[in-house]
Amino acid sequence: MTMSIANPRKILVVADTSDSRVALQSAMALSDMHGASLEVIACVEPPHDLSILARLSGADADKLIEDAVERTRNSVREKLAEIAPDRPVALSVAVGKAYLEIIRHVARSDCDFVVKKAEPLPGLDRFLFASTDQHLLRKCPCPVWLQTPTASPRPRRILAAVDLDVLDAAEPETLTALNRRVVDAACMVAGAPEAEVIVLHAWEAVGEGMIWAFSGGSDAQISADRYVNEILAARHDVMDRFLAHVRAEIGPVPRLVPRLERGTPETVIHEQSRAVGADVVVMGTVARTGLSGVFIGNTAENIINSLECPVLAVKPEGFVSPLLKH
């Protein structure tokens, strides 16, 4: 499947019987902005104790599922009629594990973008994405936008997290391409006329401690400062060249704002998402395409679960979901 980020052709929005209004509105706004077709999917997960429920109710198990599918279809249709009464939208209701059915639908229908309401795990004192969302972040082959119920359908401040430390990357070409896909995705969802994309890079001067360890006296401070300044200047240079290339291709809109902050990605992205009031954080979830097991790195997962705003997760081009491998 060929994935298009800058110009999506087909958008899939996940609806359910709870409050998925913002996800639906966001998907519709994206569809209108880019001239993309729109599909809606809802999922009915059969309960583990379906046979017991059927026995106690005196109803056939298949009939219980059919009734649940019909109730779900009617509920989603009512939501769609409230949001866009004159807009015909293709709606399908799948039966099975939600993340499996969503990913299978993406593969079958060649959707290249998914919008879904973020589901927090219940009973926790901080936000963590629930199981279905975690599976989509790890395994869905196309970008996944997890919207929160109070978020804006047309983001104004988009934080795009890029890793410019390409020289030390295991797959530098993959990382460079992923950085571009992150910024393309950020520009793609920038729906407001005054929207801006803040391109954030977290940098570290990892060798500073070695300078202090092997230098003595006043020279150590001078050498350490010089080293840190050289690292920062090099990252500024990479950022300038990267954004110049992007601007040359996309033009002046939306506005791209470079931001370099010293620290670990986990700390910097979390703090900056708050500091800039980000409507959504866009980031790559994997930089190595050769992995056969876990497809979302621990760093990316920690960052995503520390955020308090919507997330748009982007995979490298060529990523194949482990659920679709034969």
Protein backbone atom coordinates (compact mmCIF):
# COMPACT_ATOMS: atom_id res chain seq x y z
CA MET A 1 0.00 0.00 0.00
CA THR A 2 1.33 3.44 -0.96
CA MET A 3 0.85 5.99 1.78
CA SER A 4 0.32 9.64 0.99
CA ILE A 5 0.72 12.08 3.84
CA ALA A 6 0.81 15.50 2.23
CA ASN A 7 -2.25 14.73 0.07
CA PRO A 8 -4.37 11.95 1.58
CA ARG A 9 -6.81 10.28 -0.78
CA LYS A 10 -8.97 8.32 1.63
CA ILE A 11 -9.52 9.05 5.31
CA LEU A 12 -10.94 6.53 7.77
CA VAL A 13 -12.57 7.81 10.93
CA VAL A 14 -13.39 5.46 13.79
CA ALA A 15 -16.75 6.09 15.42
CA ASP A 16 -18.36 4.45 18.41
CA THR A 17 -21.41 4.83 20.59
CA SER A 18 -19.65 7.25 22.95
CA ASP A 19 -18.53 10.82 22.22
CA SER A 20 -16.61 10.64 18.94
CA ARG A 21 -17.95 13.96 17.65
CA VAL A 22 -14.55 15.73 17.52
CA ALA A 23 -12.95 12.81 15.69
CA LEU A 24 -15.76 12.88 13.11
CA GLN A 25 -15.53 16.66 12.73
CA SER A 26 -11.74 16.51 12.39
CA ALA A 27 -11.93 13.83 9.71
CA MET A 28 -14.57 15.78 7.80
CA ALA A 29 -12.48 18.95 7.96
CA LEU A 30 -9.44 17.05 6.63
CA SER A 31 -11.53 15.51 3.88
CA ASP A 32 -12.80 18.93 2.80
CA MET A 33 -9.33 20.54 2.93
CA HIS A 34 -7.66 17.89 0.79
CA GLY A 35 -10.50 16.65 -1.38
CA ALA A 36 -10.16 13.19 0.13
CA SER A 37 -12.93 10.63 0.36
CA LEU A 38 -14.18 9.73 3.82
CA GLU A 39 -15.18 6.42 5.34
CA VAL A 40 -16.53 5.69 8.81
CA ILE A 41 -15.98 2.44 10.67
CA ALA A 42 -17.48 1.30 13.95
CA CYS A 43 -16.59 -1.90 15.74
CA VAL A 44 -18.57 -4.33 17.86
CA GLU A 45 -16.42 -6.55 20.05
CA PRO A 46 -18.24 -9.74 21.12
CA PRO A 47 -17.97 -10.19 24.90
CA HIS A 48 -16.00 -13.14 26.23
CA ASP A 49 -19.10 -14.40 28.03
CA LEU A 50 -21.35 -14.22 24.95
CA SER A 51 -22.50 -17.83 25.34
CA ILE A 52 -23.56 -17.17 28.95
CA LEU A 53 -25.40 -14.02 27.94
CA ALA A 54 -27.17 -15.93 25.20
CA ARG A 55 -28.21 -18.72 27.56
CA LEU A 56 -29.50 -16.36 30.24
CA SER A 57 -31.38 -14.20 27.77
CA GLY A 58 -32.78 -17.12 25.83
CA ALA A 59 -31.55 -15.57 22.59
CA ASP A 60 -29.24 -16.94 19.93
CA ALA A 61 -25.66 -15.65 20.23
CA ASP A 62 -25.58 -14.61 16.57
CA LYS A 63 -28.81 -12.69 17.06
CA LEU A 64 -27.31 -10.80 20.00
CA ILE A 65 -24.39 -9.74 17.80
CA GLU A 66 -26.71 -8.77 14.95
CA ASP A 67 -28.73 -6.60 17.34
CA ALA A 68 -25.55 -4.97 18.68
CA VAL A 69 -24.38 -4.23 15.13
CA GLU A 70 -27.72 -2.66 14.24
CA ARG A 71 -27.77 -0.52 17.41
CA THR A 72 -24.22 0.65 16.68
CA ARG A 73 -25.04 1.45 13.06
CA ASN A 74 -28.12 3.47 14.06
CA SER A 75 -26.22 5.32 16.79
CA VAL A 76 -23.38 6.33 14.45
CA ARG A 77 -25.82 7.35 11.72
CA GLU A 78 -27.59 9.64 14.22
CA LYS A 79 -24.26 11.28 15.11
CA LEU A 80 -23.41 11.77 11.44
CA ALA A 81 -26.84 13.26 10.79
CA GLU A 82 -26.32 15.75 13.64
CA ILE A 83 -22.88 16.83 12.45
CA ALA A 84 -23.43 16.88 8.69
CA PRO A 85 -27.07 16.12 7.84
CA ASP A 86 -26.64 16.52 4.07
CA ARG A 87 -23.35 14.64 3.75
CA PRO A 88 -23.44 11.04 2.55
CA VAL A 89 -20.73 9.00 4.26
CA ALA A 90 -19.86 5.34 3.74
CA LEU A 91 -20.36 3.53 7.06
CA SER A 92 -19.32 -0.01 7.92
CA VAL A 93 -19.72 -1.89 11.19
CA ALA A 94 -17.17 -4.61 11.84
CA VAL A 95 -17.36 -7.43 14.38
CA GLY A 96 -14.17 -8.37 16.21
CA LYS A 97 -11.23 -6.81 18.00
CA ALA A 98 -11.38 -3.13 17.16
CA TYR A 99 -7.70 -2.60 16.33
CA LEU A 100 -7.60 -5.70 14.13
CA GLU A 101 -10.71 -4.68 12.20
CA ILE A 102 -9.46 -1.10 11.76
CA ILE A 103 -6.07 -2.20 10.44
CA ARG A 104 -7.65 -4.80 8.15
CA HIS A 105 -10.05 -2.17 6.80
CA VAL A 106 -7.10 0.19 6.16
CA ALA A 107 -5.38 -2.54 4.16
CA ARG A 108 -8.49 -3.61 2.21
CA SER A 109 -9.74 -0.14 1.31
CA ASP A 110 -6.34 1.55 0.82
CA CYS A 111 -7.07 4.24 3.41
CA ASP A 112 -4.04 6.40 4.05
CA PHE A 113 -5.05 8.25 7.23
CA VAL A 114 -6.95 7.25 10.39
CA VAL A 115 -8.70 9.56 12.85
CA LYS A 116 -9.97 8.21 16.17
CA LYS A 117 -11.02 9.48 19.55
CA ALA A 118 -8.30 8.80 22.11
CA GLU A 119 -9.35 6.33 24.78
CA PRO A 120 -7.64 6.78 28.18
CA LEU A 121 -7.14 3.83 30.46
CA PRO A 122 -9.67 4.08 33.31
CA GLY A 123 -8.75 4.45 36.96
CA LEU A 124 -5.37 6.15 36.50
CA ASP A 125 -4.24 9.54 37.77
CA ARG A 126 -2.60 10.36 34.43
CA PHE A 127 -3.50 9.80 30.78
CA LEU A 128 -2.43 6.54 29.20
CA PHE A 129 -3.80 5.35 25.88
CA ALA A 130 -5.99 2.28 26.16
CA SER A 131 -5.25 -1.03 24.46
CA THR A 132 -6.87 -0.36 21.09
CA ASP A 133 -5.01 2.94 20.69
CA GLN A 134 -1.69 1.40 21.72
CA HIS A 135 -2.12 -1.33 19.09
CA LEU A 136 -2.94 1.25 16.41
CA LEU A 137 0.09 3.35 17.33
CA ARG A 138 2.32 0.29 17.03
CA LYS A 139 0.81 -1.57 14.12
CA CYS A 140 -1.39 0.57 11.88
CA PRO A 141 0.49 1.10 8.59
CA CYS A 142 -0.80 4.64 7.98
CA PRO A 143 -0.72 7.78 10.17
CA VAL A 144 -3.06 7.71 13.17
CA TRP A 145 -4.52 10.90 14.68
CA LEU A 146 -5.82 10.30 18.20
CA GLN A 147 -8.11 13.21 19.03
CA THR A 148 -9.33 14.18 22.49
CA PRO A 149 -13.01 15.10 23.01
CA THR A 150 -12.26 18.76 23.79
CA ALA A 151 -9.67 19.32 21.04
CA SER A 152 -10.09 21.60 18.05
CA PRO A 153 -11.01 19.84 14.77
CA ARG A 154 -8.81 22.42 12.98
CA PRO A 155 -5.51 22.70 14.91
CA ARG A 156 -3.76 26.07 15.08
CA ARG A 157 -0.53 25.16 16.89
CA ILE A 158 1.03 21.93 15.75
CA LEU A 159 4.20 20.64 17.38
CA ALA A 160 6.22 18.47 14.98
CA ALA A 161 8.98 16.54 16.77
CA VAL A 162 11.95 15.68 14.56
CA ASP A 163 15.25 13.93 15.26
CA LEU A 164 18.04 15.78 13.45
CA ASP A 165 20.82 13.60 14.86
CA VAL A 166 20.98 11.76 11.56
CA LEU A 167 24.72 11.00 11.59
CA ASP A 168 24.42 8.73 14.63
CA ALA A 169 21.24 7.01 13.41
CA ALA A 170 21.24 3.30 12.59
CA GLU A 171 19.35 4.05 9.37
CA PRO A 172 20.07 7.72 8.50
CA GLU A 173 18.10 7.74 5.25
CA THR A 174 15.06 6.25 6.98
CA LEU A 175 15.28 8.82 9.77
CA THR A 176 15.66 11.72 7.32
CA ALA A 177 12.60 10.55 5.39
CA LEU A 178 10.64 10.06 8.60
CA ASN A 179 11.45 13.64 9.71
CA ARG A 180 10.00 14.87 6.44
CA ARG A 181 6.89 12.74 6.82
CA VAL A 182 6.37 14.15 10.32
CA VAL A 183 6.49 17.74 9.05
CA ASP A 184 4.31 16.88 6.04
CA ALA A 185 1.71 15.35 8.35
CA ALA A 186 1.84 18.40 10.62
CA CYS A 187 1.27 20.72 7.66
CA MET A 188 -1.52 18.50 6.41
CA VAL A 189 -3.63 18.85 9.59
CA ALA A 190 -2.95 22.59 9.97
CA GLY A 191 -6.51 23.61 9.27
CA ALA A 192 -6.78 27.14 10.62
CA PRO A 193 -5.71 30.06 8.37
CA GLU A 194 -3.28 31.31 11.03
CA ALA A 195 -1.94 27.84 11.83
CA GLU A 196 1.75 27.37 12.53
CA VAL A 197 3.91 24.28 12.72
CA ILE A 198 6.56 24.38 15.44
CA VAL A 199 9.35 22.06 14.33
CA LEU A 200 10.96 20.87 17.55
CA HIS A 201 14.30 19.12 17.97
CA ALA A 202 15.57 17.92 21.33
CA TRP A 203 19.34 17.92 21.38
CA GLU A 204 21.96 16.77 23.86
CA ALA A 205 25.70 17.37 24.20
CA VAL A 206 26.53 13.84 25.23
CA GLY A 207 30.30 14.31 25.27
CA GLU A 208 30.34 17.25 27.70
CA GLY A 209 30.97 15.01 30.70
CA MET A 210 34.00 13.46 29.03
CA ILE A 211 35.56 16.90 28.55
CA TRP A 212 35.22 17.60 32.26
CA ALA A 213 36.59 14.17 33.09
CA PHE A 214 39.72 14.53 30.97
CA SER A 215 40.39 18.25 31.31
CA GLY A 216 41.51 20.15 34.33
CA GLY A 217 41.35 23.68 35.74
CA SER A 218 39.82 26.62 33.94
CA ASP A 219 40.40 25.00 30.53
CA ALA A 220 37.67 22.47 31.25
CA GLN A 221 34.91 25.10 31.37
CA ILE A 222 36.15 26.79 28.20
CA SER A 223 36.43 23.48 26.35
CA ALA A 224 33.04 22.29 27.55
CA ASP A 225 31.32 25.54 26.53
CA ARG A 226 33.00 25.45 23.13
CA TYR A 227 31.90 21.85 22.62
CA VAL A 228 28.27 22.58 23.58
CA ASN A 229 28.16 25.65 21.33
CA GLU A 230 29.54 23.66 18.39
CA ILE A 231 26.91 20.95 18.87
CA LEU A 232 24.13 23.55 19.02
CA ALA A 233 25.45 25.41 15.97
CA ALA A 234 25.61 22.16 14.00
CA ARG A 235 22.00 21.31 14.91
CA HIS A 236 20.87 24.83 13.96
CA ASP A 237 22.56 24.37 10.60
CA VAL A 238 20.84 21.02 10.02
CA MET A 239 17.47 22.52 11.05
CA ASP A 240 17.91 25.52 8.71
CA ARG A 241 18.77 23.30 5.75
CA PHE A 242 15.93 20.91 6.54
CA LEU A 243 13.31 23.67 6.76
CA ALA A 244 14.64 25.44 3.67
CA HIS A 245 14.12 22.24 1.71
CA VAL A 246 10.59 21.82 3.10
CA ARG A 247 9.63 25.46 2.42
CA ALA A 248 10.92 25.21 -1.15
CA GLU A 249 8.43 22.41 -1.77
CA ILE A 250 5.35 23.42 0.26
CA GLY A 251 5.54 27.23 0.02
CA PRO A 252 5.01 29.81 2.80
CA VAL A 253 1.86 28.28 4.35
CA PRO A 254 1.64 27.07 7.02
CA ARG A 255 4.32 28.97 8.89
CA LEU A 256 7.21 26.78 10.04
CA VAL A 257 8.83 27.81 13.33
CA PRO A 258 12.13 26.11 14.28
CA ARG A 259 12.72 25.34 17.94
CA LEU A 260 15.75 23.64 19.46
CA GLU A 261 15.66 22.71 23.14
CA ARG A 262 18.35 20.95 25.10
CA GLY A 263 17.34 17.78 26.91
CA THR A 264 16.03 14.28 26.36
CA PRO A 265 13.17 13.87 23.88
CA GLU A 266 10.92 12.55 26.68
CA THR A 267 11.40 15.72 28.74
CA VAL A 268 11.58 18.28 25.94
CA ILE A 269 8.54 17.17 23.94
CA HIS A 270 6.37 16.92 27.06
CA GLU A 271 7.44 20.35 28.36
CA GLN A 272 7.22 22.09 24.99
CA SER A 273 3.78 20.69 24.20
CA ARG A 274 2.60 22.49 27.33
CA ALA A 275 4.70 25.61 26.83
CA VAL A 276 3.45 26.31 23.30
CA GLY A 277 -0.11 25.16 23.98
CA ALA A 278 0.05 22.53 21.24
CA ASP A 279 -3.26 21.44 19.72
CA VAL A 280 -1.57 18.27 18.53
CA VAL A 281 1.90 16.69 18.70
CA VAL A 282 3.12 14.95 15.55
CA MET A 283 5.93 12.45 15.87
CA GLY A 284 7.41 9.38 14.28
CA THR A 285 6.86 6.20 16.23
CA VAL A 286 9.67 4.15 14.75
CA ALA A 287 12.88 4.94 12.90
CA ARG A 288 14.10 1.43 12.14
CA THR A 289 12.23 -0.53 9.52
CA GLY A 290 14.11 -3.76 10.10
CA LEU A 291 12.57 -4.56 13.47
CA SER A 292 10.41 -7.67 13.52
CA GLY A 293 8.90 -7.40 16.98
CA VAL A 294 7.95 -4.17 18.69
CA PHE A 295 7.40 -1.41 16.15
CA ILE A 296 7.15 1.52 18.53
CA GLY A 297 10.26 2.42 20.45
CA ASN A 298 10.25 2.81 24.21
CA THR A 299 11.14 6.49 23.85
CA ALA A 300 8.22 7.19 21.54
CA GLU A 301 5.83 5.24 23.73
CA ASN A 302 6.96 7.06 26.88
CA ILE A 303 6.54 10.43 25.17
CA ILE A 304 3.09 9.65 23.81
CA ASN A 305 1.84 8.46 27.17
CA SER A 306 3.16 11.59 28.89
CA LEU A 307 1.30 14.01 26.63
CA GLU A 308 -1.91 15.77 27.57
CA CYS A 309 -2.97 16.70 24.04
CA PRO A 310 -3.88 14.86 20.84
CA VAL A 311 -1.20 12.82 19.07
CA LEU A 312 -0.59 12.20 15.38
CA ALA A 313 1.72 9.21 14.95
CA VAL A 314 3.59 8.69 11.68
CA LYS A 315 5.41 5.56 10.46
CA PRO A 316 8.31 5.45 8.00
CA GLU A 317 7.49 4.80 4.37
CA GLY A 318 7.72 1.10 3.71
CA PHE A 319 6.46 0.14 7.16
CA VAL A 320 4.46 -3.09 7.01
CA SER A 321 2.14 -3.91 9.86
CA PRO A 322 3.05 -7.21 11.57
CA LEU A 323 -0.66 -8.03 11.40
CA LEU A 324 -0.59 -7.91 7.60
CA LYS A 325 2.51 -10.00 7.02
CA HIS A 326 2.01 -13.42 5.49
